[in-house]
Protein backbone atom coordinates (compact mmCIF):
# COMPACT_ATOMS: atom_id res chain seq x y z
CA UNK A 1 134.02 33.02 93.28
CA UNK A 2 134.63 32.86 89.52
CA UNK A 3 130.93 32.59 88.70
CA UNK A 4 130.11 35.46 91.03
CA UNK A 5 132.77 37.68 89.45
CA UNK A 6 131.71 36.83 85.89
CA UNK A 7 128.04 37.50 86.62
CA UNK A 8 128.94 40.74 88.36
CA UNK A 9 131.06 41.92 85.41
CA UNK A 10 128.36 40.93 82.92
CA UNK A 11 125.76 42.77 84.99
CA UNK A 12 127.65 45.95 84.07
CA UNK A 13 128.00 45.29 80.33
CA UNK A 14 128.17 42.43 77.81
CA UNK A 15 131.73 41.10 77.40
CA UNK A 16 133.64 38.32 75.66
CA UNK A 17 135.64 35.79 77.67
CA UNK A 18 139.02 37.26 76.82
CA UNK A 19 137.89 40.71 77.99
CA UNK A 20 136.69 39.18 81.28
CA UNK A 21 140.10 37.58 81.68
CA UNK A 22 141.87 40.90 80.97
CA UNK A 23 139.69 42.75 83.49
CA UNK A 24 140.37 40.17 86.20
CA UNK A 25 144.11 40.27 85.46
CA UNK A 26 144.13 44.02 86.12
CA UNK A 27 145.89 44.88 89.38
CA UNK A 28 142.76 46.47 90.84
CA UNK A 29 140.97 43.11 90.56
CA UNK A 30 143.76 40.56 90.88
CA UNK A 31 144.85 42.05 94.22
CA UNK A 32 141.40 41.41 95.67
CA UNK A 33 140.15 38.34 93.83
CA UNK A 34 142.13 35.20 93.19
CA UNK A 35 140.84 33.63 89.99
CA UNK A 36 142.28 30.70 88.11
CA UNK A 37 142.09 32.15 84.61
CA UNK A 38 141.59 28.75 82.99
CA UNK A 39 138.34 28.50 84.95
CA UNK A 40 136.77 31.53 83.25
CA UNK A 41 135.75 29.72 80.06
CA UNK A 42 134.55 26.69 81.99
CA UNK A 43 132.45 28.94 84.22
CA UNK A 44 131.05 30.75 81.16
CA UNK A 45 130.02 27.41 79.58
CA UNK A 46 128.31 26.39 82.82
CA UNK A 47 126.55 29.75 83.16
CA UNK A 48 125.29 29.46 79.56
CA UNK A 49 124.09 25.90 80.19
CA UNK A 50 122.24 27.08 83.33
CA UNK A 51 120.79 29.98 81.30
CA UNK A 52 122.28 32.63 83.61
CA UNK A 53 124.31 33.96 80.67
CA UNK A 54 123.61 33.92 76.95
CA UNK A 55 125.90 34.12 73.98
CA UNK A 56 125.55 37.32 71.95
CA UNK A 57 127.43 36.03 68.92
CA UNK A 58 130.95 36.10 67.57
CA UNK A 59 132.78 39.44 67.62
CA UNK A 60 135.94 40.40 65.80
CA UNK A 61 138.04 43.49 66.33
CA UNK A 62 140.31 44.12 63.35
CA UNK A 63 142.72 41.25 62.70
CA UNK A 64 142.20 39.77 66.16
CA UNK A 65 140.59 36.34 66.50
CA UNK A 66 136.83 36.01 66.69
CA UNK A 67 135.51 35.95 70.24
CA UNK A 68 132.14 34.90 71.61
CA UNK A 69 130.29 37.65 73.42
CA UNK A 70 128.19 37.05 76.54
CA UNK A 71 125.51 38.91 78.45
CA UNK A 72 123.71 38.20 81.69
CA UNK A 73 120.08 37.04 81.55
CA UNK A 74 117.23 37.96 83.86
CA UNK A 75 117.72 34.59 85.60
CA UNK A 76 121.44 35.39 85.83
CA UNK A 77 120.74 38.68 87.61
CA UNK A 78 118.53 36.85 90.11
CA UNK A 79 121.27 34.24 90.60
CA UNK A 80 123.86 37.01 91.08
CA UNK A 81 121.74 38.55 93.84
CA UNK A 82 121.33 35.09 95.38
CA UNK A 83 125.12 34.48 95.31
CA UNK A 84 125.85 37.87 96.87
CA UNK A 85 123.31 37.27 99.66
CA UNK A 86 124.68 33.76 100.25
CA UNK A 87 128.20 35.17 100.53
CA UNK A 88 127.05 37.62 103.21
CA UNK A 89 125.76 34.65 105.24
CA UNK A 90 128.87 32.51 104.83
CA UNK A 91 131.54 32.70 107.49
CA UNK A 92 135.17 32.08 106.51
CA UNK A 93 136.62 28.66 107.11
CA UNK A 94 139.17 28.57 109.89
CA UNK A 95 141.22 25.74 108.39
CA UNK A 96 143.36 27.81 106.06
CA UNK A 97 146.88 26.66 105.07
CA UNK A 98 148.54 28.91 107.66
CA UNK A 99 146.52 27.26 110.44
CA UNK A 100 147.91 23.92 109.26
CA UNK A 101 151.43 25.38 109.29
CA UNK A 102 150.88 26.50 112.89
CA UNK A 103 149.63 23.03 113.84
CA UNK A 104 152.70 21.45 112.19
CA UNK A 105 155.28 23.84 113.66
CA UNK A 106 156.86 21.05 115.73
CA UNK A 107 158.22 19.63 112.47
CA UNK A 108 160.50 22.63 111.99
CA UNK A 109 163.58 23.70 113.97
CA UNK A 110 162.96 26.69 116.33
CA UNK A 111 165.44 28.95 114.49
CA UNK A 112 163.64 28.23 111.23
CA UNK A 113 160.31 29.12 112.86
CA UNK A 114 161.66 32.48 114.01
CA UNK A 115 162.82 33.23 110.48
CA UNK A 116 159.49 32.13 108.99
CA UNK A 117 157.60 34.26 111.52
CA UNK A 118 159.76 37.30 110.68
CA UNK A 119 159.23 36.67 106.96
CA UNK A 120 155.46 36.46 107.42
CA UNK A 121 155.46 39.70 109.40
CA UNK A 122 157.46 41.38 106.64
CA UNK A 123 155.13 39.99 103.96
CA UNK A 124 152.05 41.18 105.86
CA UNK A 125 153.55 44.65 106.27
CA UNK A 126 154.22 44.78 102.53
CA UNK A 127 150.71 43.54 101.76
CA UNK A 128 149.23 46.20 104.07
CA UNK A 129 151.24 48.89 102.30
CA UNK A 130 150.11 47.56 98.91
CA UNK A 131 146.50 47.51 100.09
CA UNK A 132 146.76 51.15 101.15
CA UNK A 133 148.32 52.05 97.81
CA UNK A 134 145.55 50.31 95.88
CA UNK A 135 142.77 51.79 98.04
CA UNK A 136 141.56 54.09 95.27
CA UNK A 137 141.41 51.19 92.80
CA UNK A 138 139.25 49.06 95.11
CA UNK A 139 135.68 48.44 94.07
CA UNK A 140 134.46 49.54 97.49
CA UNK A 141 136.30 51.25 100.37
CA UNK A 142 134.74 48.80 102.84
CA UNK A 143 136.74 46.00 101.12
CA UNK A 144 139.94 47.87 101.93
CA UNK A 145 138.93 48.61 105.52
CA UNK A 146 138.02 44.95 106.12
CA UNK A 147 141.23 43.64 104.54
CA UNK A 148 143.34 46.07 106.58
CA UNK A 149 141.55 45.11 109.80
CA UNK A 150 142.15 41.41 109.16
CA UNK A 151 145.81 41.85 108.21
CA UNK A 152 146.51 44.23 111.09
CA UNK A 153 144.91 41.77 113.53
CA UNK A 154 147.12 38.95 112.22
CA UNK A 155 150.17 41.22 112.35
CA UNK A 156 149.47 42.07 115.99
CA UNK A 157 148.86 38.40 116.79
CA UNK A 158 152.15 37.37 115.13
CA UNK A 159 154.14 40.02 116.95
CA UNK A 160 152.64 38.93 120.31
CA UNK A 161 152.94 35.19 119.60
CA UNK A 162 155.72 33.47 121.51
CA UNK A 163 156.97 30.46 119.59
């Protein structure tokens, strides 16, 4: 995911690593894409080594520290298209952490399960509201529609589920 995001951002304009980090920290991105920020520089080094990205040189803005700039290469653009196509073909794994929590529900007292279920419903409702609020900041409306469909399906399932 990190490589895909970095290549996608660099396909728009050359950037330095800190600017990539700042963009991905922005609410419009961080809501949709979970990125471990320490992985950005590692991914950039790998992308440079693979010649998908090249360094443009050190940049300095005023008294701020020098920062290495990066831009996507022709090979990087081809790799970006390949990653996007591959992602379309990939189906999500079903073994997410919540599935494990469902499988291990016998370890918890029934009253605790009811509370946890109610908390998850409340969290999903809040996440749905947040998603609707951030709709205009989304990179594509279809992302919002898909996320809402998935969350609403889980919400319905949770409400119908008898513990």
